[in-house]
């Protein structure tokens, strides 16, 4: 794996446009709902955390692997 593209959908009761990203993610009810990813430009896979799904171990490892280039959409 050389490249990992990711996009997440989140929820928070804090309005991000009024309070900013840090307060949004620090809210006690902040959660990641969906995690979409593509490995090396391949098919997009979606993990639905609200349905009890979890990330595959190779994706978890890739997130902290300095040799894997990451692309995140709409990320600060």
N, C-alpha and C. Protein backbone atom coordinates (compact mmCIF):
# COMPACT_ATOMS: atom_id res chain seq x y z
N UNK A 1 0.85 -1.18 0.00
CA UNK A 1 0.00 0.00 0.00
C UNK A 1 0.89 1.24 0.00
N UNK A 2 0.66 2.09 -1.00
CA UNK A 2 1.44 3.31 -1.10
C UNK A 2 0.61 4.55 -0.77
N UNK A 3 -0.69 4.52 -1.10
CA UNK A 3 -1.56 5.67 -0.85
C UNK A 3 -2.86 5.23 -0.21
N UNK A 4 -3.32 6.05 0.73
CA UNK A 4 -4.60 5.82 1.40
C UNK A 4 -5.39 7.12 1.34
N UNK A 5 -6.53 7.07 0.67
CA UNK A 5 -7.44 8.23 0.62
C UNK A 5 -8.58 7.97 1.58
N UNK A 6 -8.90 8.98 2.40
CA UNK A 6 -9.97 8.78 3.38
C UNK A 6 -10.92 9.98 3.38
N UNK A 7 -12.14 9.70 3.79
CA UNK A 7 -13.16 10.73 4.02
C UNK A 7 -14.02 10.22 5.16
N UNK A 8 -14.35 11.09 6.10
CA UNK A 8 -15.18 10.68 7.22
C UNK A 8 -16.42 11.55 7.32
N UNK A 9 -17.47 10.98 7.85
CA UNK A 9 -18.69 11.70 8.18
C UNK A 9 -18.82 11.66 9.69
N UNK A 10 -19.07 12.81 10.29
CA UNK A 10 -19.10 12.91 11.75
C UNK A 10 -20.40 13.53 12.24
N UNK A 11 -20.59 13.45 13.56
CA UNK A 11 -21.72 14.12 14.22
C UNK A 11 -21.21 14.80 15.48
N UNK A 12 -21.78 15.97 15.75
CA UNK A 12 -21.56 16.68 17.00
C UNK A 12 -22.73 17.64 17.19
N UNK A 13 -23.14 17.84 18.41
CA UNK A 13 -24.23 18.80 18.68
C UNK A 13 -23.74 20.24 18.58
N UNK A 14 -22.42 20.42 18.50
CA UNK A 14 -21.83 21.75 18.36
C UNK A 14 -21.85 22.16 16.89
N UNK A 15 -22.26 23.37 16.61
CA UNK A 15 -22.26 23.90 15.24
C UNK A 15 -20.83 24.29 14.87
N UNK A 16 -20.24 23.54 13.95
CA UNK A 16 -18.84 23.78 13.58
C UNK A 16 -18.64 25.15 12.95
N UNK A 17 -19.65 25.66 12.26
CA UNK A 17 -19.51 26.97 11.60
C UNK A 17 -19.49 28.11 12.61
N UNK A 18 -20.07 27.90 13.78
CA UNK A 18 -20.10 28.94 14.81
C UNK A 18 -18.98 28.78 15.83
N UNK A 19 -18.61 27.54 16.12
CA UNK A 19 -17.67 27.29 17.22
C UNK A 19 -16.29 26.86 16.78
N UNK A 20 -16.15 26.40 15.56
CA UNK A 20 -14.85 25.93 15.07
C UNK A 20 -14.66 24.44 15.29
N UNK A 21 -13.61 23.93 14.63
CA UNK A 21 -13.35 22.50 14.63
C UNK A 21 -13.01 21.95 16.01
N UNK A 22 -12.20 22.67 16.78
CA UNK A 22 -11.75 22.13 18.06
C UNK A 22 -12.92 21.92 19.03
N UNK A 23 -13.81 22.88 19.14
CA UNK A 23 -14.96 22.70 20.03
C UNK A 23 -15.89 21.62 19.49
N UNK A 24 -16.02 21.55 18.16
CA UNK A 24 -16.85 20.54 17.52
C UNK A 24 -16.41 19.13 17.92
N UNK A 25 -15.11 18.84 17.80
CA UNK A 25 -14.62 17.49 18.11
C UNK A 25 -14.48 17.23 19.60
N UNK A 26 -14.40 18.29 20.42
CA UNK A 26 -14.29 18.09 21.85
C UNK A 26 -15.64 17.91 22.54
N UNK A 27 -16.71 18.03 21.79
CA UNK A 27 -18.05 17.82 22.35
C UNK A 27 -18.17 16.38 22.86
N UNK A 28 -18.87 16.20 23.96
CA UNK A 28 -19.01 14.86 24.54
C UNK A 28 -19.76 13.90 23.62
N UNK A 29 -20.55 14.43 22.69
CA UNK A 29 -21.30 13.55 21.79
C UNK A 29 -20.69 13.45 20.38
N UNK A 30 -19.47 13.96 20.20
CA UNK A 30 -18.80 13.84 18.91
C UNK A 30 -18.59 12.37 18.58
N UNK A 31 -18.86 12.00 17.34
CA UNK A 31 -18.58 10.64 16.91
C UNK A 31 -18.33 10.60 15.41
N UNK A 32 -17.54 9.62 15.02
CA UNK A 32 -17.33 9.35 13.60
C UNK A 32 -18.40 8.34 13.19
N UNK A 33 -19.19 8.69 12.20
CA UNK A 33 -20.29 7.83 11.76
C UNK A 33 -19.85 6.88 10.64
N UNK A 34 -19.22 7.45 9.63
CA UNK A 34 -18.79 6.68 8.47
C UNK A 34 -17.33 6.97 8.16
N UNK A 35 -16.62 5.99 7.71
CA UNK A 35 -15.22 6.12 7.32
C UNK A 35 -15.07 5.49 5.95
N UNK A 36 -14.86 6.32 4.93
CA UNK A 36 -14.68 5.82 3.57
C UNK A 36 -13.19 5.85 3.24
N UNK A 37 -12.73 4.84 2.52
CA UNK A 37 -11.32 4.81 2.16
C UNK A 37 -11.10 4.11 0.82
N UNK A 38 -9.98 4.46 0.21
CA UNK A 38 -9.55 3.83 -1.03
C UNK A 38 -8.06 3.59 -0.91
N UNK A 39 -7.64 2.41 -1.28
CA UNK A 39 -6.22 2.04 -1.23
C UNK A 39 -5.66 2.08 -2.65
N UNK A 40 -4.63 2.89 -2.84
CA UNK A 40 -3.93 2.98 -4.13
C UNK A 40 -4.87 3.23 -5.30
N UNK A 41 -5.89 4.06 -5.09
CA UNK A 41 -6.82 4.42 -6.16
C UNK A 41 -7.84 3.35 -6.49
N UNK A 42 -7.94 2.35 -5.66
CA UNK A 42 -8.88 1.26 -5.91
C UNK A 42 -10.30 1.63 -5.52
N UNK A 43 -11.14 0.64 -5.46
CA UNK A 43 -12.55 0.83 -5.12
C UNK A 43 -12.70 1.45 -3.73
N UNK A 44 -13.71 2.27 -3.58
CA UNK A 44 -13.99 2.91 -2.29
C UNK A 44 -14.75 1.93 -1.40
N UNK A 45 -14.28 1.79 -0.19
CA UNK A 45 -14.94 0.97 0.83
C UNK A 45 -15.47 1.91 1.89
N UNK A 46 -16.63 1.59 2.47
CA UNK A 46 -17.22 2.42 3.52
C UNK A 46 -17.45 1.56 4.76
N UNK A 47 -16.94 2.04 5.89
CA UNK A 47 -17.15 1.38 7.18
C UNK A 47 -18.19 2.19 7.93
N UNK A 48 -19.27 1.55 8.34
CA UNK A 48 -20.37 2.21 9.04
C UNK A 48 -20.26 1.90 10.54
N UNK A 49 -19.69 2.85 11.28
CA UNK A 49 -19.53 2.64 12.72
C UNK A 49 -20.86 2.58 13.44
N UNK A 50 -21.90 3.23 12.89
CA UNK A 50 -23.22 3.20 13.54
C UNK A 50 -23.84 1.81 13.47
N UNK A 51 -23.36 0.97 12.56
CA UNK A 51 -23.85 -0.40 12.42
C UNK A 51 -22.92 -1.40 13.11
N UNK A 52 -21.95 -0.88 13.87
CA UNK A 52 -21.05 -1.75 14.62
C UNK A 52 -19.86 -2.26 13.82
N UNK A 53 -19.66 -1.75 12.62
CA UNK A 53 -18.52 -2.18 11.83
C UNK A 53 -17.23 -1.56 12.37
N UNK A 54 -16.11 -2.13 12.00
CA UNK A 54 -14.82 -1.59 12.44
C UNK A 54 -13.85 -1.57 11.27
N UNK A 55 -12.82 -0.75 11.40
CA UNK A 55 -11.82 -0.65 10.35
C UNK A 55 -11.00 -1.94 10.26
N UNK A 56 -10.67 -2.36 9.05
CA UNK A 56 -9.77 -3.50 8.91
C UNK A 56 -8.40 -3.16 9.51
N UNK A 57 -7.73 -4.15 10.03
CA UNK A 57 -6.45 -3.93 10.71
C UNK A 57 -5.41 -3.30 9.79
N UNK A 58 -5.42 -3.64 8.50
CA UNK A 58 -4.43 -3.06 7.59
C UNK A 58 -4.67 -1.57 7.37
N UNK A 59 -5.91 -1.11 7.49
CA UNK A 59 -6.20 0.32 7.37
C UNK A 59 -5.76 1.04 8.64
N UNK A 60 -6.02 0.45 9.78
CA UNK A 60 -5.54 1.03 11.05
C UNK A 60 -4.03 1.18 11.03
N UNK A 61 -3.34 0.17 10.58
CA UNK A 61 -1.88 0.21 10.51
C UNK A 61 -1.40 1.28 9.53
N UNK A 62 -2.07 1.39 8.40
CA UNK A 62 -1.67 2.35 7.37
C UNK A 62 -1.81 3.79 7.87
N UNK A 63 -2.78 4.04 8.75
CA UNK A 63 -2.98 5.40 9.26
C UNK A 63 -1.77 5.92 10.03
N UNK A 64 -1.01 5.05 10.63
CA UNK A 64 0.16 5.48 11.40
C UNK A 64 1.47 5.11 10.73
N UNK A 65 1.40 4.52 9.55
CA UNK A 65 2.60 4.12 8.82
C UNK A 65 3.16 5.32 8.05
N UNK A 66 4.36 5.78 8.38
CA UNK A 66 4.91 6.96 7.71
C UNK A 66 5.24 6.74 6.24
N UNK A 67 5.30 5.49 5.79
CA UNK A 67 5.60 5.22 4.39
C UNK A 67 4.36 5.26 3.50
N UNK A 68 3.18 5.31 4.10
CA UNK A 68 1.93 5.38 3.33
C UNK A 68 1.51 6.84 3.23
N UNK A 69 1.33 7.31 2.01
CA UNK A 69 0.89 8.70 1.80
C UNK A 69 -0.63 8.75 2.00
N UNK A 70 -1.07 9.70 2.84
CA UNK A 70 -2.49 9.84 3.15
C UNK A 70 -3.07 11.07 2.48
N UNK A 71 -4.31 10.93 2.00
CA UNK A 71 -5.09 12.04 1.44
C UNK A 71 -6.41 12.05 2.19
N UNK A 72 -6.75 13.16 2.80
CA UNK A 72 -8.02 13.27 3.53
C UNK A 72 -8.80 14.44 2.95
N UNK A 73 -10.06 14.24 2.71
CA UNK A 73 -10.90 15.25 2.09
C UNK A 73 -11.53 16.15 3.14
N UNK A 74 -11.49 17.46 2.89
CA UNK A 74 -12.03 18.48 3.79
C UNK A 74 -11.42 18.38 5.19
N UNK A 75 -10.16 18.03 5.24
CA UNK A 75 -9.48 17.93 6.53
C UNK A 75 -8.67 19.20 6.80
N UNK A 76 -8.73 19.60 8.04
CA UNK A 76 -7.96 20.80 8.43
C UNK A 76 -6.50 20.45 8.56
